[in-house]
N, C-alpha and C. Protein backbone atom coordinates (compact mmCIF):
# COMPACT_ATOMS: atom_id res chain seq x y z
N MET A 1 41.33 -69.45 29.69
CA MET A 1 40.46 -70.43 29.56
C MET A 1 39.81 -70.33 28.13
N PRO A 2 39.70 -71.35 27.17
CA PRO A 2 38.97 -71.00 25.91
C PRO A 2 37.58 -70.66 26.08
N ALA A 3 36.99 -69.97 25.09
CA ALA A 3 35.42 -69.75 25.08
C ALA A 3 34.82 -71.16 24.82
N ARG A 4 33.73 -71.17 25.13
CA ARG A 4 33.01 -72.64 25.13
C ARG A 4 32.06 -72.49 23.77
N GLN A 5 32.18 -73.38 23.05
CA GLN A 5 31.29 -73.34 21.80
C GLN A 5 29.89 -73.50 22.12
N PRO A 6 28.76 -73.06 21.52
CA PRO A 6 27.33 -73.15 21.66
C PRO A 6 26.96 -74.60 21.63
N THR A 7 26.06 -75.08 22.45
CA THR A 7 25.74 -76.68 22.17
C THR A 7 24.87 -76.64 20.88
N ARG A 8 25.26 -77.76 20.03
CA ARG A 8 24.42 -77.95 18.92
C ARG A 8 23.11 -78.33 19.41
N ARG A 9 22.10 -77.79 18.53
CA ARG A 9 20.68 -78.23 18.47
C ARG A 9 20.34 -79.01 17.30
N LEU A 10 20.69 -80.16 17.27
CA LEU A 10 20.58 -80.84 15.97
C LEU A 10 19.08 -81.57 15.95
N VAL A 11 18.44 -81.35 14.89
CA VAL A 11 17.03 -81.89 14.52
C VAL A 11 17.19 -82.41 12.95
N THR A 12 16.05 -83.14 12.79
CA THR A 12 15.82 -83.70 11.24
C THR A 12 15.69 -82.57 10.45
N GLN A 13 15.60 -82.84 9.15
CA GLN A 13 15.31 -81.87 8.15
C GLN A 13 13.82 -81.28 8.04
N ALA A 14 12.92 -82.20 8.37
CA ALA A 14 11.69 -81.91 8.65
C ALA A 14 11.32 -81.06 9.70
N THR A 15 11.91 -81.48 10.85
CA THR A 15 11.76 -80.51 12.13
C THR A 15 12.28 -79.13 12.01
N ALA A 16 13.42 -79.10 11.10
CA ALA A 16 14.18 -77.69 10.92
C ALA A 16 13.22 -76.82 9.98
N ALA A 17 12.33 -77.60 8.85
CA ALA A 17 11.60 -76.90 8.00
C ALA A 17 10.34 -76.52 8.76
N GLU A 18 9.87 -77.30 9.63
CA GLU A 18 8.65 -76.65 10.40
C GLU A 18 9.04 -75.61 11.58
N TYR A 19 10.35 -75.71 12.13
CA TYR A 19 10.66 -74.66 12.85
C TYR A 19 10.73 -73.13 12.26
N ALA A 20 11.38 -73.34 10.94
CA ALA A 20 11.52 -72.16 10.22
C ALA A 20 10.28 -71.73 9.37
N GLY A 21 9.23 -72.50 9.30
CA GLY A 21 8.15 -72.22 8.59
C GLY A 21 8.33 -72.48 6.94
N VAL A 22 9.29 -73.23 6.69
CA VAL A 22 9.45 -73.57 5.13
C VAL A 22 9.47 -74.93 4.79
N GLY A 23 9.44 -75.29 3.66
CA GLY A 23 9.35 -76.74 3.45
C GLY A 23 10.73 -77.38 3.39
N VAL A 24 10.61 -78.64 3.45
CA VAL A 24 11.86 -79.64 3.45
C VAL A 24 12.77 -79.14 2.49
N ARG A 25 12.17 -79.13 1.16
CA ARG A 25 13.07 -78.96 -0.04
C ARG A 25 13.89 -77.50 0.04
N THR A 26 13.37 -76.57 0.82
CA THR A 26 14.08 -75.24 1.25
C THR A 26 15.44 -75.68 2.02
N ILE A 27 15.19 -76.51 3.08
CA ILE A 27 16.13 -76.80 3.84
C ILE A 27 17.17 -77.48 3.19
N ARG A 28 16.95 -78.27 2.26
CA ARG A 28 17.63 -79.04 1.43
C ARG A 28 18.62 -78.30 0.40
N ARG A 29 17.82 -77.23 -0.16
CA ARG A 29 18.63 -76.32 -1.15
C ARG A 29 19.51 -75.55 -0.16
N ARG A 30 19.21 -75.25 1.08
CA ARG A 30 20.23 -74.30 1.64
C ARG A 30 21.35 -75.38 2.23
N ILE A 31 21.23 -76.54 2.31
CA ILE A 31 22.37 -77.52 2.55
C ILE A 31 23.20 -77.57 1.31
N SER A 32 22.39 -77.81 0.04
CA SER A 32 23.22 -77.91 -1.22
C SER A 32 24.02 -76.77 -1.61
N ASP A 33 23.49 -75.45 -1.23
CA ASP A 33 24.20 -74.14 -1.75
C ASP A 33 25.14 -73.90 -0.66
N GLY A 34 25.25 -74.64 0.60
CA GLY A 34 26.37 -74.29 1.62
C GLY A 34 26.04 -73.26 2.79
N SER A 35 24.95 -72.70 2.55
CA SER A 35 24.28 -71.60 3.57
C SER A 35 24.11 -72.27 4.74
N LEU A 36 23.78 -73.71 4.81
CA LEU A 36 23.30 -74.40 5.99
C LEU A 36 24.11 -75.61 5.97
N THR A 37 24.74 -75.99 7.19
CA THR A 37 25.65 -77.47 7.24
C THR A 37 24.52 -78.46 7.69
N GLY A 38 24.75 -79.47 6.80
CA GLY A 38 24.02 -80.75 7.17
C GLY A 38 24.81 -81.85 7.81
N TYR A 39 24.51 -82.34 8.72
CA TYR A 39 25.19 -83.52 9.46
C TYR A 39 24.58 -84.85 9.33
N ARG A 40 25.44 -85.68 8.56
CA ARG A 40 24.83 -86.90 8.21
C ARG A 40 25.05 -88.05 9.40
N MET A 41 23.96 -88.90 9.53
CA MET A 41 24.14 -89.79 10.65
C MET A 41 23.61 -91.15 9.73
N GLY A 42 24.58 -91.98 9.61
CA GLY A 42 24.22 -93.42 8.91
C GLY A 42 23.90 -92.88 7.29
N PRO A 43 23.72 -93.79 6.75
CA PRO A 43 23.55 -93.58 5.05
C PRO A 43 22.26 -92.54 4.70
N ARG A 44 21.34 -92.30 5.40
CA ARG A 44 20.27 -91.72 5.05
C ARG A 44 19.86 -90.37 5.83
N LEU A 45 19.97 -90.54 7.24
CA LEU A 45 19.54 -89.48 7.89
C LEU A 45 20.53 -88.31 8.06
N ILE A 46 19.84 -86.90 7.77
CA ILE A 46 20.79 -85.81 7.83
C ILE A 46 19.88 -84.98 8.90
N TRP A 47 20.84 -84.35 9.78
CA TRP A 47 20.55 -83.38 10.84
C TRP A 47 20.89 -82.05 10.47
N VAL A 48 20.03 -80.95 11.22
CA VAL A 48 20.64 -79.49 10.86
C VAL A 48 20.64 -78.93 12.20
N ASP A 49 21.46 -78.00 12.41
CA ASP A 49 21.61 -77.30 13.79
C ASP A 49 20.71 -76.09 13.57
N LEU A 50 19.85 -76.03 14.69
CA LEU A 50 18.94 -74.95 14.73
C LEU A 50 19.65 -73.62 14.97
N ASN A 51 20.69 -73.72 15.70
CA ASN A 51 21.30 -72.50 15.89
C ASN A 51 21.93 -71.89 14.40
N GLN A 52 22.35 -72.64 13.55
CA GLN A 52 22.87 -72.20 12.34
C GLN A 52 21.70 -71.75 11.71
N LEU A 53 20.46 -72.40 11.63
CA LEU A 53 19.31 -71.81 11.10
C LEU A 53 19.01 -70.51 11.48
N ASP A 54 18.92 -70.24 12.83
CA ASP A 54 18.69 -69.10 13.38
C ASP A 54 19.66 -68.02 13.03
N ALA A 55 20.80 -68.38 12.96
CA ALA A 55 21.84 -67.36 12.33
C ALA A 55 21.60 -66.80 10.68
N LEU A 56 20.90 -67.62 10.06
CA LEU A 56 20.49 -67.23 8.74
C LEU A 56 19.49 -66.16 8.67
N LEU A 57 18.81 -65.96 9.67
CA LEU A 57 17.79 -64.99 9.70
C LEU A 57 18.27 -63.60 9.87
N THR A 58 17.89 -62.71 8.78
CA THR A 58 18.40 -61.40 8.97
C THR A 58 17.17 -60.27 9.24
N PRO A 59 17.39 -59.13 10.14
CA PRO A 59 16.18 -58.34 10.41
C PRO A 59 16.12 -57.40 9.00
N ILE A 60 14.98 -57.10 8.78
CA ILE A 60 14.59 -56.22 7.49
C ILE A 60 14.54 -54.77 8.08
N PRO A 61 15.36 -53.84 7.55
CA PRO A 61 15.40 -52.57 8.15
C PRO A 61 14.03 -51.83 7.80
N THR A 62 13.52 -50.99 8.73
CA THR A 62 12.21 -50.28 8.48
C THR A 62 12.43 -48.85 8.42
N ALA A 63 11.52 -48.16 7.91
CA ALA A 63 11.67 -46.69 7.63
C ALA A 63 11.55 -45.78 8.97
N CYS A 64 10.99 -46.50 10.15
CA CYS A 64 10.86 -45.75 11.37
C CYS A 64 12.06 -45.94 12.18
N ASN A 65 12.95 -46.82 11.72
CA ASN A 65 14.11 -46.79 12.59
C ASN A 65 13.98 -47.15 13.84
N GLY A 66 13.14 -48.17 14.20
CA GLY A 66 12.87 -48.78 15.60
C GLY A 66 11.84 -47.95 16.51
N ARG A 67 11.37 -46.61 16.00
CA ARG A 67 10.50 -46.04 16.63
C ARG A 67 9.00 -46.31 16.21
N SER A 68 8.11 -46.13 17.20
CA SER A 68 6.72 -46.61 16.88
C SER A 68 6.34 -45.70 15.58
N ALA A 69 5.34 -46.00 14.88
CA ALA A 69 5.02 -45.28 13.60
C ALA A 69 3.87 -44.34 14.14
N ARG A 70 3.94 -43.13 13.55
CA ARG A 70 3.05 -42.03 13.83
C ARG A 70 1.73 -42.43 13.39
N ARG A 71 0.83 -41.82 14.19
CA ARG A 71 -0.68 -42.13 13.67
C ARG A 71 -1.21 -40.85 13.04
């Protein structure tokens, strides 16, 4: 049995920007540079998959390597 693809969570660019805490222009730039896929519906409306937006986030390594900091 083939693995199931995760369900797409398509939202508007404005909703995606609010979700990520960035501006709509940043979402448009990510679509333009190819790091985020835009899905067109009709001549003007563009949707973004929140799963793909989540995948763009990368954790920043810390000096304590996951342990609590010493006081």
